[in-house]
Amino acid sequence: MKVSKDKVVQIHYTLTDSNGIQLDSSEGKEPLEYIQGNNMLISGLEAKIEGTEAGDKFTVTIPAKEAYGEYDDRLLLEVPRKQFDYDGDIEIGMPFQAMSPNGGMMIVHVVNVTEENVTVDGNHELAGKDLIYDVEVTEVIEDEAEKIKSMIELHYSNPNVDIDKTE
């Protein structure tokens, strides 16, 4: 069965950057399970998996704009230190929640600290980077009962509930 919209898909993957540095991998773990066409993966990867079948293996480069977007200098902001509701030392790399321009919450990371100001970056840490994925499609779930079970586990995972034993 080919991967198509709303199919439950399992993949193994290794993610590297353009310098060959491994950023993430499912090696030694359970395969990543997701529902195709539901924005559960970056758009470029989901598009490349579309139409593949269990057993297919491939390497694909996803351009930044189809991954986490281009780096946006407008998301690099210098903020007065007194605006931080934090009593401890503010250090480079620390994440904070901030209000986005559209009123939602976003995560920013500290990139510079002075006595008076803190510079934060609202870009995703992989923004502006082309990403290379080695992918193996391990399963495309056909059985409707298995598909429903997988969807429930994806959306409502609870380690205290054994779905196989519920009525």
Foldseek 3Di string as FASTA:
>chain_A
DFQDAQWKWFKWKWKDFPVRHTDDTCVPHGTDIDGQPPPPAQQQVSVVRGGDAAFDKDKDKAFLCSHQEAFDPVQWDKDFPVVDPDDDDQDFQDWDWDQDPVGDIAIWTFHDDDPTITITGRGDPCHRTIMMMTMGTHHTDDDPVVSVVVVCCVVPNDPVDDPVPDD
